[in-house]
Amino acid sequence: MHYFDFSFLKFNFFDILDIVLVALIIYQLYNLIRGTIAANIFIGLAIICLLYFVVKALHMTLLTNILGNFMNVGIIAVIVVFQQEIRRFLLLVGKNASLQRNKAWWKYFFGKAETEKNNYIRIKPIIDACKSLKQTRTGALIVFAKFYDEQFYQNSCEVIDAKISKRLLESIFQKTSPLHDGAVVISGNKIKSASCILPLTDNTNLPPQFGLRHRAGIGVTEANEATAIIVSEETGEISYAKQGRVKMNISFAELEKLLNKDF
């Protein structure tokens, strides 16, 4: 009877920790690019790298030299191509390590009732405004930015810096309002800006009924640490975008849960 000898495999605690941390990083990177055009770009880069090793093993000199020049600038190319994904990954790391997040956890465990009460007061005007916009089928895009990047948002926005209120949100998105065409950005419990022109997503696998409003809402969550509520002008349907992915036709109860979690 044959036995396999695994004595050459020696693991200690730090080896296991190293593997777990690498697996977590790969998982987070996978979540960042899943469902986006970056996933196809990554597959293309992987195929080129694989092809390089194949032609090198077959001693195909011309192709080896061409692909070798590409491999030499590979790191720079990856940084340029995946600029948005790297930015989102660094924001994710910074968010998880921030004191503000630790403070939120502290409140969750030791002041949960008070936190839920404050959250309800904050999100009630938003939910009430969404109910009114849905009923009148008024198109709207509301972005919740955890980090308000003035350079990113204010270049194409009208600065508001006002308290969140149902009537203000309704008046902004009225079709006769000069600010209705664009997004409202909320950060730090204030309506920071309105009529914002946002980058559109490059994702080609979205439903055909998604227009510019939905694509802008998804695009801003790909490029920034933000979430977005999209109210369809055609159907009144409410969608919720986060990290480049979107939940369609959500109820107000589900919307309240999502805002309590993310806002």
Protein backbone atom coordinates (compact mmCIF):
# COMPACT_ATOMS: atom_id res chain seq x y z
CA MET A 1 0.00 0.00 0.00
CA HIS A 2 1.43 3.36 -1.06
CA TYR A 3 1.49 6.39 1.21
CA PHE A 4 2.07 9.97 0.15
CA ASP A 5 4.72 11.84 2.04
CA PHE A 6 3.77 15.47 2.74
CA SER A 7 6.60 16.14 5.17
CA PHE A 8 8.12 18.65 2.73
CA LEU A 9 5.07 20.88 3.22
CA LYS A 10 5.71 23.02 6.29
CA PHE A 11 3.14 25.64 7.26
CA ASN A 12 3.14 28.04 10.16
CA PHE A 13 0.56 30.58 11.29
CA PHE A 14 1.98 33.42 9.17
CA ASP A 15 1.95 31.26 6.03
CA ILE A 16 -1.76 30.61 6.50
CA LEU A 17 -2.39 34.29 7.27
CA ASP A 18 -0.48 35.25 4.13
CA ILE A 19 -2.64 32.97 1.97
CA VAL A 20 -5.87 34.24 3.55
CA LEU A 21 -4.91 37.90 3.02
CA VAL A 22 -3.97 37.30 -0.62
CA ALA A 23 -7.27 35.46 -1.14
CA LEU A 24 -9.20 38.41 0.38
CA ILE A 25 -7.39 40.89 -1.85
CA ILE A 26 -8.11 38.81 -4.96
CA TYR A 27 -11.77 38.50 -3.90
CA GLN A 28 -12.09 42.27 -3.43
CA LEU A 29 -10.46 42.92 -6.81
CA TYR A 30 -12.85 40.42 -8.40
CA ASN A 31 -15.83 42.26 -6.85
CA LEU A 32 -14.54 45.57 -8.19
CA ILE A 33 -14.25 44.44 -11.82
CA ARG A 34 -17.09 41.90 -11.95
CA GLY A 35 -19.72 42.88 -14.50
CA THR A 36 -17.67 45.81 -15.84
CA ILE A 37 -15.65 46.32 -19.01
CA ALA A 38 -12.50 46.00 -16.86
CA ALA A 39 -13.18 42.26 -16.57
CA ASN A 40 -12.92 41.86 -20.36
CA ILE A 41 -9.75 43.97 -20.41
CA PHE A 42 -8.23 41.78 -17.68
CA ILE A 43 -9.03 38.63 -19.69
CA GLY A 44 -7.42 40.22 -22.75
CA LEU A 45 -4.24 41.03 -20.80
CA ALA A 46 -4.14 37.49 -19.39
CA ILE A 47 -4.42 36.01 -22.90
CA ILE A 48 -1.56 38.22 -24.16
CA CYS A 49 0.64 37.15 -21.22
CA LEU A 50 -0.17 33.48 -21.85
CA LEU A 51 0.53 33.91 -25.56
CA TYR A 52 3.91 35.48 -24.74
CA PHE A 53 5.04 32.44 -22.76
CA VAL A 54 3.77 30.07 -25.48
CA VAL A 55 5.63 31.81 -28.34
CA LYS A 56 8.72 32.12 -26.18
CA ALA A 57 8.69 28.37 -25.50
CA LEU A 58 8.27 27.73 -29.24
CA HIS A 59 11.22 30.06 -30.02
CA MET A 60 9.13 32.31 -32.27
CA THR A 61 11.54 35.22 -32.19
CA LEU A 62 9.50 37.96 -33.89
CA LEU A 63 6.34 37.47 -31.83
CA THR A 64 8.44 37.02 -28.67
CA ASN A 65 10.13 40.40 -29.24
CA ILE A 66 6.83 42.17 -29.96
CA LEU A 67 5.01 40.71 -26.96
CA GLY A 68 8.15 41.12 -24.82
CA ASN A 69 8.09 44.89 -25.42
CA PHE A 70 4.48 44.89 -24.27
CA MET A 71 5.38 42.89 -21.15
CA ASN A 72 8.16 45.38 -20.31
CA VAL A 73 5.61 48.17 -19.93
CA GLY A 74 3.00 45.87 -18.45
CA ILE A 75 2.86 47.50 -15.00
CA ILE A 76 2.43 50.98 -16.46
CA ALA A 77 -0.23 49.70 -18.86
CA VAL A 78 -2.13 48.05 -15.99
CA ILE A 79 -2.08 51.29 -13.95
CA VAL A 80 -3.37 53.33 -16.91
CA VAL A 81 -6.04 50.84 -17.99
CA PHE A 82 -7.30 50.05 -14.48
CA GLN A 83 -7.05 53.58 -13.08
CA GLN A 84 -10.68 53.72 -11.93
CA GLU A 85 -10.59 50.23 -10.40
CA ILE A 86 -7.35 51.01 -8.50
CA ARG A 87 -8.93 54.23 -7.22
CA ARG A 88 -12.02 52.34 -6.03
CA PHE A 89 -9.85 49.68 -4.36
CA LEU A 90 -7.83 52.30 -2.45
CA LEU A 91 -11.04 54.06 -1.41
CA LEU A 92 -12.38 50.72 -0.18
CA VAL A 93 -9.22 50.11 1.88
CA GLY A 94 -9.32 53.64 3.30
CA LYS A 95 -13.00 53.37 4.13
CA ASN A 96 -12.56 50.12 6.05
CA ALA A 97 -9.62 51.55 8.01
CA SER A 98 -11.18 54.92 8.76
CA LEU A 99 -11.99 56.03 12.26
CA GLN A 100 -15.42 57.14 11.09
CA ARG A 101 -16.32 53.53 10.26
CA ASN A 102 -15.02 52.33 13.63
CA LYS A 103 -17.10 55.03 15.26
CA ALA A 104 -20.16 53.77 13.38
CA TRP A 105 -19.57 50.23 14.66
CA TRP A 106 -19.21 51.57 18.18
CA LYS A 107 -22.57 53.31 17.88
CA TYR A 108 -24.10 50.19 16.40
CA PHE A 109 -23.24 48.03 19.41
CA PHE A 110 -23.64 50.57 22.21
CA GLY A 111 -26.24 52.97 20.89
CA LYS A 112 -28.20 51.01 18.30
CA ALA A 113 -31.62 52.45 19.17
CA GLU A 114 -30.37 56.03 19.00
CA THR A 115 -28.52 55.35 15.74
CA GLU A 116 -31.62 53.83 14.11
CA LYS A 117 -33.69 56.82 15.21
CA ASN A 118 -31.18 59.29 13.74
CA ASN A 119 -30.96 57.27 10.52
CA TYR A 120 -34.75 57.31 10.13
CA ILE A 121 -34.82 61.09 10.57
CA ARG A 122 -32.11 61.47 7.92
CA ILE A 123 -33.58 59.18 5.28
CA LYS A 124 -37.30 59.91 5.75
CA PRO A 125 -37.28 63.04 3.51
CA ILE A 126 -35.47 61.07 0.81
CA ILE A 127 -37.92 58.16 0.89
CA ASP A 128 -40.90 60.55 0.93
CA ALA A 129 -39.46 62.40 -2.08
CA CYS A 130 -38.95 59.10 -3.92
CA LYS A 131 -42.58 58.15 -3.25
CA SER A 132 -43.77 61.43 -4.74
CA LEU A 133 -41.39 61.16 -7.73
CA LYS A 134 -42.52 57.59 -8.39
CA GLN A 135 -46.19 58.57 -8.25
CA THR A 136 -45.74 61.43 -10.73
CA ARG A 137 -43.20 59.48 -12.84
CA THR A 138 -40.63 62.22 -12.50
CA GLY A 139 -37.14 61.10 -13.47
CA ALA A 140 -34.49 61.55 -10.79
CA LEU A 141 -30.94 60.60 -9.92
CA ILE A 142 -29.79 60.96 -6.31
CA VAL A 143 -26.17 60.12 -5.48
CA PHE A 144 -24.92 59.45 -1.95
CA ALA A 145 -21.19 60.18 -1.83
CA LYS A 146 -19.28 59.00 1.24
CA PHE A 147 -16.33 61.14 0.19
CA TYR A 148 -17.37 64.39 -1.49
CA ASP A 149 -14.70 65.03 -4.10
CA GLU A 150 -15.16 68.73 -4.96
CA GLN A 151 -12.98 68.47 -8.04
CA PHE A 152 -15.01 65.54 -9.37
CA TYR A 153 -18.53 66.87 -8.64
CA GLN A 154 -18.40 70.67 -8.62
CA ASN A 155 -16.87 71.00 -12.10
CA SER A 156 -20.26 70.26 -13.65
CA CYS A 157 -22.68 71.05 -10.80
CA GLU A 158 -24.57 73.88 -9.18
CA VAL A 159 -23.51 74.13 -5.53
CA ILE A 160 -26.50 73.87 -3.14
CA ASP A 161 -25.10 72.96 0.32
CA ALA A 162 -28.59 72.78 1.85
CA LYS A 163 -30.42 70.68 4.41
CA ILE A 164 -32.07 67.56 3.00
CA SER A 165 -35.81 68.05 2.56
CA LYS A 166 -38.60 66.40 0.59
CA ARG A 167 -39.81 69.64 -1.00
CA LEU A 168 -36.33 70.69 -2.09
CA LEU A 169 -35.70 67.34 -3.80
CA GLU A 170 -39.12 67.48 -5.50
CA SER A 171 -38.56 71.04 -6.72
CA ILE A 172 -35.10 70.22 -8.12
CA PHE A 173 -36.40 67.33 -10.24
CA GLN A 174 -39.53 69.07 -11.53
CA LYS A 175 -39.40 69.11 -15.32
CA THR A 176 -39.70 72.90 -15.38
CA SER A 177 -36.76 73.34 -13.00
CA PRO A 178 -33.45 74.48 -14.55
CA LEU A 179 -31.65 71.97 -12.27
CA HIS A 180 -33.68 68.85 -13.08
CA ASP A 181 -31.38 67.61 -15.84
CA GLY A 182 -28.61 65.91 -13.90
CA ALA A 183 -27.92 64.34 -10.52
CA VAL A 184 -28.30 65.55 -6.96
CA VAL A 185 -25.30 64.71 -4.77
CA ILE A 186 -25.84 64.16 -1.05
CA SER A 187 -22.94 63.94 1.38
CA GLY A 188 -22.48 64.68 5.07
CA ASN A 189 -26.27 64.95 5.66
CA LYS A 190 -26.56 67.80 3.15
CA ILE A 191 -27.56 68.27 -0.46
CA LYS A 192 -24.18 69.39 -1.72
CA SER A 193 -24.93 70.01 -5.39
CA ALA A 194 -27.49 69.56 -8.15
CA SER A 195 -27.60 69.30 -11.94
CA CYS A 196 -24.41 67.22 -11.91
CA ILE A 197 -23.21 65.66 -15.16
CA LEU A 198 -21.71 62.28 -14.29
CA PRO A 199 -19.59 59.77 -16.24
CA LEU A 200 -21.51 56.98 -17.93
CA THR A 201 -20.74 53.33 -17.29
CA ASP A 202 -18.88 51.33 -19.93
CA ASN A 203 -20.77 48.16 -19.01
CA THR A 204 -22.28 46.65 -22.16
CA ASN A 205 -24.39 44.02 -20.36
CA LEU A 206 -27.09 46.36 -19.04
CA PRO A 207 -30.80 45.98 -19.85
CA PRO A 208 -31.77 47.77 -23.10
CA GLN A 209 -34.34 49.95 -21.32
CA PHE A 210 -31.61 51.69 -19.30
CA GLY A 211 -31.13 55.26 -20.49
CA LEU A 212 -28.54 57.92 -19.69
CA ARG A 213 -29.88 58.42 -16.17
CA HIS A 214 -29.38 54.76 -15.23
CA ARG A 215 -25.98 54.60 -16.95
CA ALA A 216 -24.82 57.72 -15.12
CA GLY A 217 -26.03 56.33 -11.78
CA ILE A 218 -24.14 53.08 -12.35
CA GLY A 219 -21.07 54.91 -13.71
CA VAL A 220 -20.65 57.14 -10.66
CA THR A 221 -20.72 54.10 -8.34
CA GLU A 222 -17.98 52.49 -10.44
CA ALA A 223 -15.71 55.53 -10.27
CA ASN A 224 -16.37 56.61 -6.66
CA GLU A 225 -17.31 55.31 -3.24
CA ALA A 226 -20.96 56.18 -3.76
CA THR A 227 -24.44 54.73 -4.13
CA ALA A 228 -27.29 56.03 -6.27
CA ILE A 229 -31.08 56.02 -6.44
CA ILE A 230 -32.53 56.17 -9.95
CA VAL A 231 -36.22 56.93 -10.58
CA SER A 232 -37.32 56.04 -14.09
CA GLU A 233 -39.20 58.75 -15.96
CA GLU A 234 -40.99 56.20 -18.17
CA THR A 235 -42.19 53.71 -15.53
CA GLY A 236 -41.59 55.31 -12.14
CA GLU A 237 -39.54 52.23 -11.22
CA ILE A 238 -36.90 52.80 -8.53
CA SER A 239 -33.44 51.28 -8.94
CA TYR A 240 -30.50 51.25 -6.54
CA ALA A 241 -26.90 51.22 -7.78
CA LYS A 242 -23.82 50.28 -5.78
CA GLN A 243 -20.28 49.31 -6.88
CA GLY A 244 -21.33 49.23 -10.53
CA ARG A 245 -24.25 46.85 -9.94
CA VAL A 246 -27.93 47.77 -9.85
CA LYS A 247 -31.06 46.42 -8.13
CA MET A 248 -34.19 47.10 -10.15
CA ASN A 249 -37.79 47.76 -9.12
CA ILE A 250 -37.12 47.83 -5.38
CA SER A 251 -39.83 48.52 -2.81
CA PHE A 252 -39.74 51.42 -0.37
CA ALA A 253 -39.16 48.99 2.52
CA GLU A 254 -36.11 47.62 0.70
CA LEU A 255 -34.98 51.16 -0.13
CA GLU A 256 -35.15 52.08 3.56
CA LYS A 257 -33.02 49.05 4.48
CA LEU A 258 -30.43 49.88 1.82
CA LEU A 259 -30.20 53.52 2.89
CA ASN A 260 -29.93 52.51 6.55
CA LYS A 261 -27.03 50.26 5.63
CA ASP A 262 -25.17 52.52 3.20
CA PHE A 263 -26.08 56.10 4.10
